[in-house]
Protein backbone atom coordinates (compact mmCIF):
# COMPACT_ATOMS: atom_id res chain seq x y z
CA MET A 1 213.68 -64.97 -34.00
CA ALA A 2 216.16 -65.03 -30.80
CA VAL A 3 215.07 -61.98 -28.96
CA PRO A 4 216.65 -60.74 -25.58
CA HIS A 5 215.10 -62.12 -21.98
CA GLY A 6 213.19 -58.82 -21.27
CA PRO A 7 210.37 -56.28 -21.72
CA GLN A 8 212.48 -55.01 -24.91
CA GLY A 9 212.34 -58.42 -26.13
CA VAL A 10 208.92 -58.27 -26.03
CA ARG A 11 208.82 -55.14 -27.92
CA VAL A 12 210.83 -55.90 -30.64
CA ALA A 13 208.95 -59.45 -31.42
CA ARG A 14 205.84 -58.01 -31.53
CA ARG A 15 206.89 -55.03 -33.81
CA ARG A 16 208.02 -57.81 -36.35
CA MET A 17 205.23 -60.30 -36.22
CA ARG A 18 202.73 -57.90 -36.68
CA GLU A 19 204.82 -56.37 -39.77
CA GLU A 20 205.20 -60.11 -40.76
CA LEU A 21 201.54 -60.76 -40.44
CA ARG A 22 200.35 -58.18 -42.18
CA ALA A 23 202.36 -58.50 -45.35
CA CYS A 24 200.45 -62.19 -45.67
CA GLY A 25 197.19 -60.46 -45.31
CA ALA A 26 196.56 -61.90 -41.80
CA PRO A 27 192.78 -60.32 -41.36
CA ASP A 28 194.13 -57.41 -38.10
CA THR A 29 191.66 -59.13 -35.98
CA VAL A 30 194.26 -62.35 -36.22
CA VAL A 31 196.79 -60.18 -35.99
CA ASP A 32 195.85 -58.77 -32.93
CA ASP A 33 194.58 -62.05 -31.17
CA ALA A 34 198.55 -63.27 -32.50
CA ILE A 35 200.26 -60.35 -30.85
CA LEU A 36 198.76 -60.32 -27.58
CA ILE A 37 199.39 -64.39 -27.25
CA LEU A 38 202.71 -63.84 -28.05
CA SER A 39 203.22 -61.10 -25.16
CA GLU A 40 201.79 -63.08 -22.92
CA LEU A 41 204.16 -66.11 -23.71
CA LEU A 42 207.07 -64.01 -23.75
CA SER A 43 206.24 -61.99 -20.67
CA ASN A 44 205.65 -65.08 -18.81
CA ALA A 45 208.79 -66.53 -19.95
CA CYS A 46 210.89 -63.72 -18.52
CA ARG A 47 209.12 -63.78 -15.66
CA HIS A 48 209.37 -67.85 -14.79
CA ALA A 49 211.88 -69.33 -16.75
CA ARG A 50 215.61 -69.26 -17.57
CA PRO A 51 217.10 -68.15 -20.43
CA LEU A 52 218.75 -69.50 -23.28
CA HIS A 53 222.54 -68.94 -23.92
CA GLU A 54 223.06 -68.43 -27.10
CA GLU A 55 226.31 -67.29 -29.04
CA ALA A 56 226.49 -63.64 -30.08
CA THR A 57 226.88 -63.23 -33.18
CA ALA A 58 229.22 -59.91 -34.55
CA GLY A 59 228.02 -56.89 -33.62
CA THR A 60 225.50 -58.06 -30.89
CA ASN A 61 226.65 -57.04 -27.59
CA GLY A 62 230.49 -56.35 -28.62
CA THR A 63 231.75 -59.16 -26.58
CA GLY A 64 231.57 -62.37 -28.56
CA SER A 65 229.70 -63.79 -25.11
CA PRO A 66 226.48 -65.52 -24.97
CA VAL A 67 223.37 -63.74 -25.16
CA ASP A 68 220.79 -64.39 -22.61
CA THR A 69 218.10 -64.51 -25.43
CA VAL A 70 214.33 -66.42 -25.58
CA ARG A 71 212.85 -67.39 -29.21
CA ALA A 72 209.79 -66.68 -30.44
CA SER A 73 208.26 -67.77 -33.73
CA TRP A 74 205.48 -67.78 -35.68
CA ARG A 75 203.83 -69.23 -38.79
CA ARG A 76 200.33 -68.69 -41.05
CA ASP A 77 199.74 -72.04 -42.86
CA VAL A 78 197.53 -72.28 -46.13
CA ARG A 79 194.66 -72.27 -44.12
CA GLY A 80 194.95 -68.82 -42.38
CA GLU A 81 196.12 -70.56 -39.14
CA VAL A 82 198.81 -68.90 -36.98
CA THR A 83 200.89 -71.16 -34.78
CA ILE A 84 203.05 -69.23 -32.19
CA ALA A 85 205.70 -70.48 -30.23
CA VAL A 86 208.26 -69.20 -27.08
CA THR A 87 211.43 -71.14 -26.61
CA ASP A 88 213.37 -70.97 -23.59
CA GLY A 89 215.29 -72.57 -20.69
CA GLY A 90 212.82 -74.31 -18.68
CA GLY A 91 211.84 -73.23 -14.79
CA PRO A 92 210.84 -75.07 -11.64
CA THR A 93 207.70 -75.95 -12.58
CA ARG A 94 205.37 -76.13 -16.42
CA PRO A 95 203.02 -73.58 -16.83
CA LEU A 96 199.51 -74.16 -16.31
CA PRO A 97 196.61 -71.99 -16.09
CA ALA A 98 196.05 -70.45 -12.67
CA LYS A 99 193.00 -69.07 -10.45
CA PRO A 100 194.13 -65.84 -9.37
CA SER A 101 191.96 -63.90 -6.77
CA VAL A 102 189.94 -60.93 -8.78
CA THR A 103 192.25 -58.32 -6.99
CA ALA A 104 195.68 -60.66 -7.75
CA ARG A 105 197.87 -58.35 -10.29
CA GLY A 106 199.30 -61.33 -12.08
CA GLY A 107 198.20 -64.70 -13.00
CA ARG A 108 196.08 -64.24 -16.12
CA GLY A 109 198.20 -64.96 -19.39
CA LEU A 110 197.59 -68.91 -19.71
CA ALA A 111 193.56 -68.06 -19.73
CA ILE A 112 193.52 -65.61 -21.84
CA ILE A 113 196.02 -67.96 -24.46
CA THR A 114 193.53 -70.18 -23.56
CA ALA A 115 190.62 -67.89 -24.57
CA LEU A 116 191.95 -67.17 -27.88
CA ALA A 117 193.56 -69.62 -29.02
CA ARG A 118 191.94 -73.06 -30.88
CA ASP A 119 194.57 -74.98 -28.79
CA TRP A 120 197.94 -74.27 -27.09
CA GLY A 121 200.45 -76.64 -25.70
CA VAL A 122 203.93 -77.15 -23.84
CA ARG A 123 206.77 -79.58 -25.15
CA SER A 124 210.38 -80.18 -23.78
CA GLU A 125 213.13 -79.25 -26.48
CA PRO A 126 215.15 -82.63 -27.09
CA ASP A 127 217.99 -80.37 -28.37
CA THR A 128 219.28 -78.55 -25.43
CA PRO A 129 222.87 -79.31 -24.55
CA ALA A 130 223.65 -81.91 -21.62
CA ASP A 131 225.15 -79.24 -19.12
CA GLU A 132 221.85 -77.26 -19.63
CA PRO A 133 218.19 -78.14 -18.06
CA PRO A 134 216.32 -78.98 -20.74
CA GLY A 135 214.72 -76.23 -22.73
CA VAL A 136 210.70 -75.69 -23.06
CA THR A 137 207.96 -74.46 -25.87
CA VAL A 138 204.71 -73.38 -24.87
CA TRP A 139 203.08 -73.05 -28.28
CA ALA A 140 199.34 -71.49 -29.23
CA VAL A 141 197.62 -71.93 -32.78
CA LEU A 142 194.92 -69.44 -33.71
CA ARG A 143 192.07 -70.13 -36.26
CA PRO A 144 191.72 -67.54 -39.07
CA ASP A 145 187.86 -67.38 -38.52
CA SER A 146 187.54 -67.24 -34.35
CA SER A 147 189.32 -64.13 -33.30
CA PHE A 148 188.44 -63.13 -29.91
CA SER A 149 187.60 -59.24 -31.03
CA GLY A 150 185.87 -60.42 -34.04
CA ARG A 151 183.48 -62.43 -30.98
CA VAL A 152 183.33 -59.93 -28.72
CA ALA A 153 181.93 -57.38 -31.75
CA ALA A 154 179.75 -60.61 -33.41
CA SER A 155 178.06 -60.91 -29.55
CA LEU A 156 177.44 -57.25 -29.21
CA ASP A 157 175.63 -56.77 -32.32
CA GLY A 158 173.83 -59.52 -31.53
CA LEU A 159 172.89 -57.92 -27.57
CA GLU A 160 171.99 -54.64 -29.76
CA ASP A 161 170.25 -56.67 -32.39
CA GLY A 162 168.07 -58.06 -28.88
CA LEU A 163 167.96 -54.86 -27.46
CA HIS A 164 165.91 -53.14 -30.22
CA GLY A 165 163.51 -56.22 -30.65
CA ASP A 166 162.96 -56.20 -26.74
CA LEU A 167 162.60 -52.67 -26.63
CA ASP A 168 160.73 -52.49 -30.02
CA GLY A 169 163.46 -49.44 -31.37
CA SER A 170 163.29 -47.47 -28.63
CA LEU A 171 166.91 -47.09 -28.99
CA ASP A 172 167.15 -45.25 -31.98
CA GLY A 173 170.15 -46.70 -33.37
CA GLU A 174 172.34 -46.20 -30.42
CA PHE A 175 174.02 -48.52 -28.07
CA ASP A 176 176.45 -48.80 -25.33
CA LEU A 177 177.99 -50.56 -22.84
CA ALA A 178 176.58 -48.01 -20.36
CA SER A 179 172.76 -49.24 -21.57
CA VAL A 180 174.10 -52.95 -20.63
CA GLU A 181 174.90 -52.06 -17.20
CA GLU A 182 172.20 -50.16 -16.42
CA LEU A 183 170.03 -53.43 -17.01
CA LYS A 184 171.77 -55.75 -14.67
């Protein structure tokens, strides 16, 4: 789908992806991770790349002139893997994960994608018109059985089980992250 090059495009794409992935039976944890990846990819495209210039359709902007867009796509294959891709007009550099300082306000998007996805990458789009810089697609693939939120929940369950065993049941079935912080 073509979405506006800007924050409103992120909202539109997130809503549509959520509806479509739920409709095809994707687990909520996979949908949540896919939405986060899509948000990061679209936000990066809007922040760091040029828009694509798409021909406006009747009623889009009322003028018939080109519209600045970014293309977002996703699909769920027969194994349940979800592939997410965002295509933009390219930027001055290729997308690479950054190592921001602890106090930096940004720069973590591709690190988040790396943590969530089975794989991700960048490819140039060969079908870009000759009078424009080449388009760029950033893509990521999510496995159906390894969502980040699912891994966090499993590790917390394991931590809780370990605490129960180590403390001989003295937690009485209660567990919270404040207890973990106190153990540090």
